[in-house]
Each structure stands twice: as structure tokens, then as C-alpha cells.
C-alpha atoms as a PDB file:
ATOM      1  CA  MET A   1      71.218  19.640   1.667  1.00  0.00           C
ATOM      2  CA  LYS A   2      74.757  20.794   2.386  1.00  0.00           C
ATOM      3  CA  ARG A   3      77.177  23.406   1.058  1.00  0.00           C
ATOM      4  CA  VAL A   4      80.882  22.981   0.471  1.00  0.00           C
ATOM      5  CA  HIS A   5      83.532  25.644  -0.165  1.00  0.00           C
ATOM      6  CA  LEU A   6      86.658  24.438  -1.980  1.00  0.00           C
ATOM      7  CA  ILE A   7      89.986  26.075  -2.748  1.00  0.00           C
ATOM      8  CA  ILE A   8      91.764  23.974  -5.372  1.00  0.00           C
ATOM      9  CA  SER A   9      95.504  24.565  -5.726  1.00  0.00           C
ATOM     10  CA  GLY A  10      98.060  23.369  -8.251  1.00  0.00           C
ATOM     11  CA  ASP A  11      98.179  23.820 -12.019  1.00  0.00           C
ATOM     12  CA  VAL A  12      94.465  24.543 -12.274  1.00  0.00           C
ATOM     13  CA  GLN A  13      94.221  27.788 -14.261  1.00  0.00           C
ATOM     14  CA  GLY A  14      94.463  27.862 -18.051  1.00  0.00           C
ATOM     15  CA  VAL A  15      93.634  24.134 -18.264  1.00  0.00           C
ATOM     16  CA  ASN A  16      89.823  24.351 -18.664  1.00  0.00           C
ATOM     17  CA  TYR A  17      89.279  23.482 -14.989  1.00  0.00           C
ATOM     18  CA  ARG A  18      86.290  25.801 -14.480  1.00  0.00           C
ATOM     19  CA  SER A  19      84.362  24.517 -17.495  1.00  0.00           C
ATOM     20  CA  TRP A  20      85.204  20.940 -16.544  1.00  0.00           C
ATOM     21  CA  ALA A  21      83.994  21.521 -12.961  1.00  0.00           C
ATOM     22  CA  ARG A  22      80.776  23.119 -14.221  1.00  0.00           C
ATOM     23  CA  ALA A  23      80.087  20.002 -16.315  1.00  0.00           C
ATOM     24  CA  GLN A  24      80.754  17.775 -13.286  1.00  0.00           C
ATOM     25  CA  ALA A  25      78.429  19.837 -11.083  1.00  0.00           C
ATOM     26  CA  ARG A  26      75.660  19.800 -13.671  1.00  0.00           C
ATOM     27  CA  GLU A  27      76.048  16.036 -14.129  1.00  0.00           C
ATOM     28  CA  LEU A  28      75.675  15.618 -10.358  1.00  0.00           C
ATOM     29  CA  ASN A  29      72.734  18.058 -10.230  1.00  0.00           C
ATOM     30  CA  LEU A  30      74.553  20.521  -7.972  1.00  0.00           C
ATOM     31  CA  SER A  31      74.257  24.299  -7.861  1.00  0.00           C
ATOM     32  CA  GLY A  32      76.940  26.882  -7.176  1.00  0.00           C
ATOM     33  CA  TRP A  33      79.763  28.788  -8.799  1.00  0.00           C
ATOM     34  CA  ILE A  34      83.472  28.538  -9.636  1.00  0.00           C
ATOM     35  CA  THR A  35      86.087  31.213 -10.284  1.00  0.00           C
ATOM     36  CA  ASN A  36      89.832  31.723 -10.718  1.00  0.00           C
ATOM     37  CA  ARG A  37      91.610  33.372  -7.794  1.00  0.00           C
ATOM     38  CA  PRO A  38      94.455  35.893  -8.143  1.00  0.00           C
ATOM     39  CA  ASP A  39      96.796  33.478  -6.307  1.00  0.00           C
ATOM     40  CA  GLY A  40      96.496  30.864  -9.086  1.00  0.00           C
ATOM     41  CA  ALA A  41      93.997  28.644  -7.297  1.00  0.00           C
ATOM     42  CA  VAL A  42      90.386  27.942  -8.234  1.00  0.00           C
ATOM     43  CA  GLU A  43      87.545  28.591  -5.769  1.00  0.00           C
ATOM     44  CA  THR A  44      84.135  26.963  -5.848  1.00  0.00           C
ATOM     45  CA  VAL A  45      81.036  26.954  -3.658  1.00  0.00           C
ATOM     46  CA  VAL A  46      78.540  24.177  -4.294  1.00  0.00           C
ATOM     47  CA  GLU A  47      75.244  23.050  -2.746  1.00  0.00           C
ATOM     48  CA  GLY A  48      73.346  19.782  -3.007  1.00  0.00           C
ATOM     49  CA  GLN A  49      72.955  16.340  -1.500  1.00  0.00           C
ATOM     50  CA  LYS A  50      75.938  15.373   0.664  1.00  0.00           C
ATOM     51  CA  LYS A  51      76.669  12.166  -1.253  1.00  0.00           C
ATOM     52  CA  LYS A  52      76.788  14.081  -4.551  1.00  0.00           C
ATOM     53  CA  LEU A  53      78.968  16.785  -3.006  1.00  0.00           C
ATOM     54  CA  GLU A  54      81.386  14.104  -1.814  1.00  0.00           C
ATOM     55  CA  GLU A  55      81.583  12.780  -5.385  1.00  0.00           C
ATOM     56  CA  TYR A  56      82.185  16.323  -6.691  1.00  0.00           C
ATOM     57  CA  ILE A  57      85.036  16.790  -4.213  1.00  0.00           C
ATOM     58  CA  LYS A  58      86.533  13.443  -5.252  1.00  0.00           C
ATOM     59  CA  ARG A  59      86.429  14.515  -8.896  1.00  0.00           C
ATOM     60  CA  CYS A  60      87.929  17.934  -8.059  1.00  0.00           C
ATOM     61  CA  HIS A  61      90.939  16.183  -6.530  1.00  0.00           C
ATOM     62  CA  LYS A  62      91.689  14.823  -9.990  1.00  0.00           C
ATOM     63  CA  GLY A  63      90.408  17.593 -12.265  1.00  0.00           C
ATOM     64  CA  PRO A  64      90.501  17.558 -16.053  1.00  0.00           C
ATOM     65  CA  GLU A  65      93.191  15.508 -17.781  1.00  0.00           C
ATOM     66  CA  VAL A  66      95.625  18.409 -18.296  1.00  0.00           C
ATOM     67  CA  ALA A  67      95.327  19.807 -14.752  1.00  0.00           C
ATOM     68  CA  TRP A  68      97.582  18.980 -11.820  1.00  0.00           C
ATOM     69  CA  VAL A  69      95.805  19.293  -8.485  1.00  0.00           C
ATOM     70  CA  GLU A  70      98.138  19.735  -5.517  1.00  0.00           C
ATOM     71  CA  LYS A  71      95.484  20.071  -2.809  1.00  0.00           C
ATOM     72  CA  VAL A  72      91.823  20.768  -2.185  1.00  0.00           C
ATOM     73  CA  ASP A  73      90.987  22.737   0.948  1.00  0.00           C
ATOM     74  CA  THR A  74      87.444  21.814   1.965  1.00  0.00           C
ATOM     75  CA  VAL A  75      85.026  23.565   4.326  1.00  0.00           C
ATOM     76  CA  TRP A  76      81.577  22.070   4.935  1.00  0.00           C
ATOM     77  CA  LEU A  77      78.723  24.505   5.623  1.00  0.00           C
ATOM     78  CA  GLU A  78      74.961  24.482   5.890  1.00  0.00           C
ATOM     79  CA  ALA A  79      73.144  25.068   2.614  1.00  0.00           C
ATOM     80  CA  THR A  80      71.465  28.443   2.179  1.00  0.00           C
ATOM     81  CA  GLY A  81      69.341  27.580  -0.856  1.00  0.00           C
ATOM     82  CA  GLU A  82      70.404  30.801  -2.607  1.00  0.00           C
ATOM     83  CA  LEU A  83      72.219  28.948  -5.427  1.00  0.00           C
ATOM     84  CA  VAL A  84      69.876  27.855  -8.219  1.00  0.00           C
ATOM     85  CA  ASN A  85      72.269  26.799 -10.996  1.00  0.00           C
ATOM     86  CA  PHE A  86      76.009  26.365 -11.529  1.00  0.00           C
ATOM     87  CA  SER A  87      77.974  29.130 -13.194  1.00  0.00           C
ATOM     88  CA  VAL A  88      81.512  30.137 -14.018  1.00  0.00           C
ATOM     89  CA  VAL A  89      82.336  33.545 -12.555  1.00  0.00           C
ATOM     90  CA  TYR A  90      84.795  35.562 -14.640  1.00  0.00           C
END
């Protein structure tokens, strides 16, 4: 199990990105959270199998149809096991 911390920049707020990402994470059986940042980016922390996390990151580079992703800053970490589901933080 691994953990990944992503900062997703571009036109990613107000385009349903968080709900879309939650659906992707649930489809991949990942746990974590996602939230909007004050700087206009989206931040997410996700735990699960490395292969599934890599697929999640790949999908986050594209985002939902109406989003425009400029970049995804990625930091790999060791999983803590504290995350039990995936939620949108408001």
C-alpha cells in the first residue's frame, strides 16, 4: 500500500472535478480525500495499491470533460492506513 499527495492546477474548480475524482477513486477502490484550495487548485490525498494509484494519477491529468488540467504535482508517501473511504472535503 502507498499514499500519494496531488496538487492539481489549471481550470479545476467549478467544473465538478472533486465529484469526478471521488467517482474515479471509488471505482479504483482507493481511499482518501479531495478539496478545493484557496489558490484555485485542487488537493487530494489517496491511499491504495500502487498500480491503482498510478491509474488515478493518470486520470487526474485529464480530469472531467469540462476541466483543463495544467499540471499535477505528485508526492509519493508511505500509506498510514488512516483513510477508510474517499470523501470530498468542503
